[in-house]
C-alpha cells in the first residue's frame, strides 16, 4: 500500500526509483501500480516525473 500523504509518497517513490528501479515504468510494472494514477497523485501538489533523472521533482 502506498502512503497517502503527498510528501511521504514523493519520498517513498523517489527512494524506490533511486535504489531499485531504472524507470517509472519498471517501478509501476513491478509493484502493479497504475502509472497515470501515480503521476496524477504526485502532480496534484506540483511534482512531475523527470525521466532523465529518474525521479519526481
C-alpha atoms as a PDB file:
ATOM      1  CA  UNK A   1       0.000   0.000   0.000  1.00  0.00           C
ATOM      2  CA  UNK A   2       1.299   3.427  -0.929  1.00  0.00           C
ATOM      3  CA  UNK A   3       1.478   6.323   1.531  1.00  0.00           C
ATOM      4  CA  UNK A   4      -1.425   8.776   1.277  1.00  0.00           C
ATOM      5  CA  UNK A   5       0.482  11.914   2.326  1.00  0.00           C
ATOM      6  CA  UNK A   6       1.909  13.507  -0.874  1.00  0.00           C
ATOM      7  CA  UNK A   7       5.293  14.371   0.663  1.00  0.00           C
ATOM      8  CA  UNK A   8       5.773  10.904   2.100  1.00  0.00           C
ATOM      9  CA  UNK A   9       4.622   9.375  -1.199  1.00  0.00           C
ATOM     10  CA  UNK A  10       7.130  11.543  -3.069  1.00  0.00           C
ATOM     11  CA  UNK A  11       9.950  10.459  -0.779  1.00  0.00           C
ATOM     12  CA  UNK A  12       8.933   6.795  -0.936  1.00  0.00           C
ATOM     13  CA  UNK A  13       8.665   6.683  -4.740  1.00  0.00           C
ATOM     14  CA  UNK A  14      11.888   8.616  -5.291  1.00  0.00           C
ATOM     15  CA  UNK A  15      13.730   6.301  -2.900  1.00  0.00           C
ATOM     16  CA  UNK A  16      12.478   3.267  -4.814  1.00  0.00           C
ATOM     17  CA  UNK A  17      13.435   4.862  -8.125  1.00  0.00           C
ATOM     18  CA  UNK A  18      16.910   5.666  -6.828  1.00  0.00           C
ATOM     19  CA  UNK A  19      17.585   2.330  -5.136  1.00  0.00           C
ATOM     20  CA  UNK A  20      15.702  -0.316  -7.115  1.00  0.00           C
ATOM     21  CA  UNK A  21      14.274   0.798 -10.461  1.00  0.00           C
ATOM     22  CA  UNK A  22      15.781   2.321 -13.568  1.00  0.00           C
ATOM     23  CA  UNK A  23      12.466   3.836 -14.699  1.00  0.00           C
ATOM     24  CA  UNK A  24       8.983   4.743 -13.555  1.00  0.00           C
ATOM     25  CA  UNK A  25       7.601   2.120 -15.935  1.00  0.00           C
ATOM     26  CA  UNK A  26       9.668  -0.610 -14.250  1.00  0.00           C
ATOM     27  CA  UNK A  27       8.534   0.503 -10.781  1.00  0.00           C
ATOM     28  CA  UNK A  28       4.864   0.597 -11.756  1.00  0.00           C
ATOM     29  CA  UNK A  29       5.014  -2.759 -13.507  1.00  0.00           C
ATOM     30  CA  UNK A  30       6.765  -4.482 -10.613  1.00  0.00           C
ATOM     31  CA  UNK A  31       4.502  -3.005  -7.924  1.00  0.00           C
ATOM     32  CA  UNK A  32       1.348  -3.285 -10.073  1.00  0.00           C
ATOM     33  CA  UNK A  33       0.669   0.454  -9.826  1.00  0.00           C
ATOM     34  CA  UNK A  34      -1.171   2.429 -12.482  1.00  0.00           C
ATOM     35  CA  UNK A  35       1.431   4.877 -13.807  1.00  0.00           C
ATOM     36  CA  UNK A  36      -1.083   7.572 -14.761  1.00  0.00           C
ATOM     37  CA  UNK A  37      -2.731   7.413 -11.342  1.00  0.00           C
ATOM     38  CA  UNK A  38       0.577   7.696  -9.505  1.00  0.00           C
ATOM     39  CA  UNK A  39       1.678  10.586 -11.723  1.00  0.00           C
ATOM     40  CA  UNK A  40      -1.659  12.323 -11.115  1.00  0.00           C
ATOM     41  CA  UNK A  41      -1.373  11.905  -7.328  1.00  0.00           C
ATOM     42  CA  UNK A  42       2.060  13.490  -7.384  1.00  0.00           C
ATOM     43  CA  UNK A  43       1.063  16.160  -9.907  1.00  0.00           C
ATOM     44  CA  UNK A  44      -1.648  17.484  -7.570  1.00  0.00           C
ATOM     45  CA  UNK A  45       0.917  19.060  -5.201  1.00  0.00           C
ATOM     46  CA  UNK A  46       3.078  20.114  -8.178  1.00  0.00           C
ATOM     47  CA  UNK A  47       5.522  17.261  -8.787  1.00  0.00           C
ATOM     48  CA  UNK A  48       6.294  15.745 -12.169  1.00  0.00           C
ATOM     49  CA  UNK A  49       8.454  12.859 -13.276  1.00  0.00           C
ATOM     50  CA  UNK A  50      11.825  13.667 -14.828  1.00  0.00           C
ATOM     51  CA  UNK A  51      12.887  10.598 -16.847  1.00  0.00           C
ATOM     52  CA  UNK A  52      16.450  11.860 -17.301  1.00  0.00           C
ATOM     53  CA  UNK A  53      16.966  11.994 -13.533  1.00  0.00           C
ATOM     54  CA  UNK A  54      14.539   9.129 -12.856  1.00  0.00           C
ATOM     55  CA  UNK A  55      12.747  10.992 -10.089  1.00  0.00           C
ATOM     56  CA  UNK A  56       9.802  13.222  -9.344  1.00  0.00           C
ATOM     57  CA  UNK A  57      10.661  16.897  -8.852  1.00  0.00           C
END
